[in-house]
Amino acid sequence: MEEKGPQEIKKLIEHIPTPEQARLIFKRLTNKEYAEVRIVEDEKGLYLFDITVRGELEGEITEYSYRRGQSRADKSLVDAIQVTYYKNGLPVSGTTVAEIIDGKWVIL
């Protein structure tokens, strides 16, 4: 198992998006009107940003969540946006839809 050194973690921290940058990627991902649910910043900048979008059918909601420094299956850290689909208030599926790679958003 390979662990990240201080230089690699510092590189990740240097690419923390601003709330405005996160809004731009949310707009690209959703292409719809959305509601901002929660924005959390700390001393390093944006940490958490959640939005919701109404689904096509009654009772459907899609939640997009930016989280700084999420752990992947390979134990590396990544800034990413996860999507979770809800039906009648219960999560039914979800996945990672975008990551910051080399300082730029990549839609997966």
N, C-alpha and C. Protein backbone atom coordinates (compact mmCIF):
# COMPACT_ATOMS: atom_id res chain seq x y z
N MET A 1 0.85 -1.17 0.00
CA MET A 1 0.00 0.00 0.00
C MET A 1 0.90 1.24 0.00
N GLU A 2 0.65 2.15 -0.94
CA GLU A 2 1.45 3.36 -1.07
C GLU A 2 0.73 4.52 -0.40
N GLU A 3 1.44 5.24 0.44
CA GLU A 3 0.84 6.39 1.11
C GLU A 3 1.32 7.68 0.45
N LYS A 4 0.51 8.71 0.55
CA LYS A 4 0.84 10.00 -0.02
C LYS A 4 1.81 10.74 0.89
N GLY A 5 2.84 11.33 0.30
CA GLY A 5 3.79 12.13 1.04
C GLY A 5 3.29 13.55 1.20
N PRO A 6 4.00 14.37 2.01
CA PRO A 6 3.56 15.75 2.25
C PRO A 6 3.45 16.59 0.98
N GLN A 7 4.34 16.38 0.01
CA GLN A 7 4.28 17.17 -1.22
C GLN A 7 3.01 16.86 -1.99
N GLU A 8 2.61 15.60 -2.04
CA GLU A 8 1.40 15.23 -2.77
C GLU A 8 0.15 15.77 -2.09
N ILE A 9 0.12 15.74 -0.77
CA ILE A 9 -1.03 16.28 -0.04
C ILE A 9 -1.07 17.79 -0.21
N LYS A 10 0.09 18.46 -0.15
CA LYS A 10 0.14 19.91 -0.35
C LYS A 10 -0.38 20.26 -1.74
N LYS A 11 -0.02 19.49 -2.75
CA LYS A 11 -0.49 19.74 -4.11
C LYS A 11 -2.02 19.68 -4.16
N LEU A 12 -2.62 18.73 -3.47
CA LEU A 12 -4.07 18.62 -3.42
C LEU A 12 -4.68 19.86 -2.79
N ILE A 13 -4.11 20.32 -1.68
CA ILE A 13 -4.65 21.47 -0.97
C ILE A 13 -4.57 22.73 -1.83
N GLU A 14 -3.54 22.86 -2.65
CA GLU A 14 -3.38 24.05 -3.48
C GLU A 14 -4.48 24.20 -4.52
N HIS A 15 -5.23 23.14 -4.81
CA HIS A 15 -6.25 23.18 -5.85
C HIS A 15 -7.67 23.21 -5.29
N ILE A 16 -7.83 23.72 -4.09
CA ILE A 16 -9.17 23.81 -3.50
C ILE A 16 -9.97 24.84 -4.28
N PRO A 17 -11.14 24.46 -4.79
CA PRO A 17 -11.94 25.42 -5.55
C PRO A 17 -12.61 26.43 -4.63
N THR A 18 -12.94 27.56 -5.20
CA THR A 18 -13.75 28.55 -4.49
C THR A 18 -15.22 28.13 -4.64
N PRO A 19 -16.11 28.68 -3.83
CA PRO A 19 -17.53 28.38 -4.02
C PRO A 19 -18.00 28.73 -5.44
N GLU A 20 -17.48 29.82 -6.01
CA GLU A 20 -17.86 30.21 -7.36
C GLU A 20 -17.43 29.16 -8.39
N GLN A 21 -16.22 28.62 -8.23
CA GLN A 21 -15.74 27.56 -9.13
C GLN A 21 -16.59 26.30 -8.99
N ALA A 22 -16.98 25.98 -7.76
CA ALA A 22 -17.85 24.82 -7.54
C ALA A 22 -19.21 25.04 -8.19
N ARG A 23 -19.73 26.26 -8.11
CA ARG A 23 -21.02 26.56 -8.76
C ARG A 23 -20.94 26.34 -10.27
N LEU A 24 -19.82 26.72 -10.87
CA LEU A 24 -19.65 26.53 -12.32
C LEU A 24 -19.67 25.05 -12.70
N ILE A 25 -19.01 24.21 -11.91
CA ILE A 25 -19.01 22.77 -12.23
C ILE A 25 -20.38 22.17 -11.95
N PHE A 26 -21.05 22.62 -10.89
CA PHE A 26 -22.42 22.15 -10.64
C PHE A 26 -23.33 22.49 -11.83
N LYS A 27 -23.17 23.70 -12.36
CA LYS A 27 -23.98 24.12 -13.50
C LYS A 27 -23.70 23.22 -14.71
N ARG A 28 -22.43 22.89 -14.94
CA ARG A 28 -22.08 21.99 -16.04
C ARG A 28 -22.66 20.59 -15.83
N LEU A 29 -22.64 20.12 -14.60
CA LEU A 29 -23.12 18.77 -14.29
C LEU A 29 -24.64 18.66 -14.37
N THR A 30 -25.33 19.69 -13.88
CA THR A 30 -26.79 19.59 -13.78
C THR A 30 -27.51 20.15 -14.99
N ASN A 31 -27.01 21.25 -15.52
CA ASN A 31 -27.67 21.95 -16.62
C ASN A 31 -29.13 22.29 -16.27
N LYS A 32 -29.40 22.42 -14.96
CA LYS A 32 -30.73 22.74 -14.46
C LYS A 32 -30.62 23.74 -13.31
N GLU A 33 -31.75 24.28 -12.93
CA GLU A 33 -31.79 25.12 -11.74
C GLU A 33 -31.61 24.21 -10.52
N TYR A 34 -30.82 24.68 -9.56
CA TYR A 34 -30.58 23.87 -8.36
C TYR A 34 -30.70 24.72 -7.11
N ALA A 35 -30.85 24.04 -5.98
CA ALA A 35 -30.91 24.71 -4.68
C ALA A 35 -29.63 24.42 -3.91
N GLU A 36 -28.99 25.46 -3.41
CA GLU A 36 -27.81 25.27 -2.56
C GLU A 36 -28.29 24.87 -1.17
N VAL A 37 -27.82 23.73 -0.70
CA VAL A 37 -28.26 23.18 0.58
C VAL A 37 -27.30 23.53 1.70
N ARG A 38 -25.98 23.40 1.42
CA ARG A 38 -25.00 23.60 2.49
C ARG A 38 -23.65 23.97 1.88
N ILE A 39 -23.00 24.99 2.46
CA ILE A 39 -21.65 25.37 2.09
C ILE A 39 -20.85 25.47 3.39
N VAL A 40 -19.73 24.75 3.46
CA VAL A 40 -18.88 24.79 4.64
C VAL A 40 -17.45 25.11 4.19
N GLU A 41 -16.88 26.13 4.82
CA GLU A 41 -15.49 26.49 4.56
C GLU A 41 -14.72 26.42 5.86
N ASP A 42 -13.42 26.16 5.75
CA ASP A 42 -12.55 26.19 6.92
C ASP A 42 -11.37 27.10 6.60
N GLU A 43 -10.32 27.03 7.41
CA GLU A 43 -9.18 27.93 7.22
C GLU A 43 -8.48 27.72 5.88
N LYS A 44 -8.66 26.57 5.24
CA LYS A 44 -8.03 26.29 3.95
C LYS A 44 -8.92 26.66 2.77
N GLY A 45 -10.19 26.88 3.01
CA GLY A 45 -11.12 27.21 1.95
C GLY A 45 -12.32 26.28 1.94
N LEU A 46 -12.89 26.10 0.76
CA LEU A 46 -14.10 25.29 0.61
C LEU A 46 -13.84 23.84 1.04
N TYR A 47 -14.72 23.34 1.88
CA TYR A 47 -14.59 21.98 2.40
C TYR A 47 -15.75 21.10 1.93
N LEU A 48 -16.96 21.68 1.89
CA LEU A 48 -18.17 20.92 1.62
C LEU A 48 -19.18 21.84 0.94
N PHE A 49 -19.83 21.33 -0.11
CA PHE A 49 -20.83 22.14 -0.82
C PHE A 49 -21.85 21.15 -1.38
N ASP A 50 -23.09 21.25 -0.92
CA ASP A 50 -24.17 20.36 -1.37
C ASP A 50 -25.24 21.15 -2.09
N ILE A 51 -25.73 20.59 -3.20
CA ILE A 51 -26.87 21.16 -3.91
C ILE A 51 -27.87 20.05 -4.20
N THR A 52 -29.11 20.43 -4.47
CA THR A 52 -30.12 19.45 -4.89
C THR A 52 -30.83 19.93 -6.15
N VAL A 53 -31.26 18.95 -6.93
CA VAL A 53 -31.98 19.20 -8.18
C VAL A 53 -33.21 18.31 -8.16
N ARG A 54 -34.34 18.86 -8.56
CA ARG A 54 -35.56 18.04 -8.66
C ARG A 54 -35.41 17.04 -9.79
N GLY A 55 -35.92 15.84 -9.56
CA GLY A 55 -35.90 14.80 -10.59
C GLY A 55 -37.03 14.97 -11.58
N GLU A 56 -37.05 14.10 -12.56
CA GLU A 56 -38.08 14.15 -13.59
C GLU A 56 -39.45 13.70 -13.06
N LEU A 57 -39.44 12.76 -12.13
CA LEU A 57 -40.69 12.21 -11.59
C LEU A 57 -40.94 12.71 -10.18
N GLU A 58 -42.17 12.67 -9.76
CA GLU A 58 -42.56 13.06 -8.40
C GLU A 58 -41.76 12.24 -7.38
N GLY A 59 -41.20 12.92 -6.38
CA GLY A 59 -40.47 12.24 -5.31
C GLY A 59 -39.00 12.01 -5.61
N GLU A 60 -38.55 12.39 -6.79
CA GLU A 60 -37.14 12.20 -7.14
C GLU A 60 -36.34 13.47 -6.87
N ILE A 61 -35.20 13.30 -6.21
CA ILE A 61 -34.27 14.40 -5.94
C ILE A 61 -32.87 13.87 -6.23
N THR A 62 -32.05 14.72 -6.83
CA THR A 62 -30.65 14.38 -7.06
C THR A 62 -29.81 15.34 -6.24
N GLU A 63 -28.87 14.79 -5.46
CA GLU A 63 -28.00 15.60 -4.62
C GLU A 63 -26.57 15.50 -5.15
N TYR A 64 -25.95 16.65 -5.36
CA TYR A 64 -24.54 16.72 -5.75
C TYR A 64 -23.77 17.25 -4.55
N SER A 65 -22.67 16.58 -4.20
CA SER A 65 -21.91 16.97 -3.01
C SER A 65 -20.42 17.06 -3.33
N TYR A 66 -19.88 18.28 -3.20
CA TYR A 66 -18.43 18.46 -3.29
C TYR A 66 -17.86 18.19 -1.91
N ARG A 67 -16.82 17.38 -1.84
CA ARG A 67 -16.12 17.11 -0.59
C ARG A 67 -14.62 17.21 -0.86
N ARG A 68 -13.92 17.95 -0.04
CA ARG A 68 -12.48 18.05 -0.17
C ARG A 68 -11.80 16.85 0.48
N GLY A 69 -10.83 16.28 -0.20
CA GLY A 69 -10.00 15.24 0.38
C GLY A 69 -10.70 13.93 0.66
N GLN A 70 -11.54 13.47 -0.25
CA GLN A 70 -12.21 12.18 -0.07
C GLN A 70 -11.21 11.05 -0.33
N SER A 71 -11.40 9.96 0.32
CA SER A 71 -10.53 8.80 0.15
C SER A 71 -11.10 7.87 -0.90
N ARG A 72 -10.27 7.50 -1.86
CA ARG A 72 -10.67 6.54 -2.89
C ARG A 72 -10.42 5.13 -2.39
N ALA A 73 -10.85 4.17 -3.19
CA ALA A 73 -10.62 2.76 -2.84
C ALA A 73 -9.13 2.46 -2.74
N ASP A 74 -8.31 3.18 -3.54
CA ASP A 74 -6.87 2.95 -3.50
C ASP A 74 -6.19 3.76 -2.39
N LYS A 75 -6.97 4.35 -1.51
CA LYS A 75 -6.52 5.10 -0.33
C LYS A 75 -5.92 6.47 -0.66
N SER A 76 -5.94 6.89 -1.91
CA SER A 76 -5.44 8.23 -2.24
C SER A 76 -6.54 9.25 -1.97
N LEU A 77 -6.14 10.49 -1.76
CA LEU A 77 -7.10 11.55 -1.50
C LEU A 77 -7.43 12.26 -2.80
N VAL A 78 -8.68 12.69 -2.93
CA VAL A 78 -9.11 13.39 -4.13
C VAL A 78 -10.23 14.35 -3.77
N ASP A 79 -10.22 15.52 -4.43
CA ASP A 79 -11.36 16.43 -4.31
C ASP A 79 -12.35 16.01 -5.38
N ALA A 80 -13.59 15.74 -5.00
CA ALA A 80 -14.53 15.16 -5.95
C ALA A 80 -15.95 15.63 -5.67
N ILE A 81 -16.79 15.40 -6.66
CA ILE A 81 -18.23 15.61 -6.51
C ILE A 81 -18.91 14.26 -6.67
N GLN A 82 -19.69 13.93 -5.66
CA GLN A 82 -20.48 12.70 -5.66
C GLN A 82 -21.92 13.06 -5.99
N VAL A 83 -22.63 12.16 -6.63
CA VAL A 83 -24.05 12.35 -6.86
C VAL A 83 -24.80 11.21 -6.18
N THR A 84 -25.91 11.56 -5.53
CA THR A 84 -26.77 10.57 -4.90
C THR A 84 -28.19 10.82 -5.40
N TYR A 85 -28.85 9.75 -5.83
CA TYR A 85 -30.22 9.84 -6.32
C TYR A 85 -31.17 9.36 -5.24
N TYR A 86 -32.21 10.15 -4.98
CA TYR A 86 -33.20 9.83 -3.95
C TYR A 86 -34.57 9.64 -4.58
N LYS A 87 -35.29 8.70 -4.05
CA LYS A 87 -36.69 8.47 -4.43
C LYS A 87 -37.48 8.45 -3.14
N ASN A 88 -38.43 9.37 -3.01
CA ASN A 88 -39.26 9.49 -1.81
C ASN A 88 -38.42 9.57 -0.53
N GLY A 89 -37.33 10.34 -0.61
CA GLY A 89 -36.49 10.58 0.56
C GLY A 89 -35.46 9.52 0.87
N LEU A 90 -35.43 8.43 0.10
CA LEU A 90 -34.47 7.35 0.34
C LEU A 90 -33.44 7.29 -0.78
N PRO A 91 -32.14 7.13 -0.44
CA PRO A 91 -31.13 7.02 -1.49
C PRO A 91 -31.30 5.71 -2.25
N VAL A 92 -31.22 5.80 -3.59
CA VAL A 92 -31.36 4.59 -4.40
C VAL A 92 -30.10 4.25 -5.18
N SER A 93 -29.24 5.23 -5.43
CA SER A 93 -27.96 4.95 -6.08
C SER A 93 -27.10 6.21 -6.03
N GLY A 94 -25.85 6.06 -6.45
CA GLY A 94 -24.95 7.20 -6.47
C GLY A 94 -23.60 6.82 -7.03
N THR A 95 -22.81 7.83 -7.35
CA THR A 95 -21.48 7.59 -7.92
C THR A 95 -20.67 8.89 -7.87
N THR A 96 -19.41 8.81 -8.21
CA THR A 96 -18.56 9.98 -8.37
C THR A 96 -18.75 10.49 -9.78
N VAL A 97 -18.99 11.80 -9.93
CA VAL A 97 -19.25 12.36 -11.27
C VAL A 97 -18.16 13.32 -11.73
N ALA A 98 -17.33 13.83 -10.81
CA ALA A 98 -16.26 14.74 -11.21
C ALA A 98 -15.16 14.72 -10.15
N GLU A 99 -13.92 14.95 -10.61
CA GLU A 99 -12.77 15.02 -9.71
C GLU A 99 -11.86 16.15 -10.18
N ILE A 100 -11.10 16.70 -9.24
CA ILE A 100 -10.07 17.66 -9.60
C ILE A 100 -8.80 16.85 -9.84
N ILE A 101 -8.31 16.92 -11.07
CA ILE A 101 -7.08 16.22 -11.44
C ILE A 101 -6.12 17.25 -12.03
N ASP A 102 -4.93 17.33 -11.43
CA ASP A 102 -3.93 18.32 -11.85
C ASP A 102 -4.51 19.74 -11.87
N GLY A 103 -5.33 20.05 -10.87
CA GLY A 103 -5.87 21.38 -10.71
C GLY A 103 -7.06 21.73 -11.59
N LYS A 104 -7.57 20.76 -12.37
CA LYS A 104 -8.71 21.02 -13.25
C LYS A 104 -9.81 20.00 -13.01
N TRP A 105 -11.07 20.47 -13.13
CA TRP A 105 -12.19 19.56 -12.99
C TRP A 105 -12.27 18.63 -14.19
N VAL A 106 -12.43 17.36 -13.90
CA VAL A 106 -12.63 16.34 -14.94
C VAL A 106 -13.98 15.68 -14.66
N ILE A 107 -14.88 15.78 -15.63
CA ILE A 107 -16.17 15.10 -15.50
C ILE A 107 -16.00 13.66 -15.92
N LEU A 108 -16.38 12.75 -15.04
CA LEU A 108 -16.17 11.31 -15.29
C LEU A 108 -17.31 10.70 -16.07
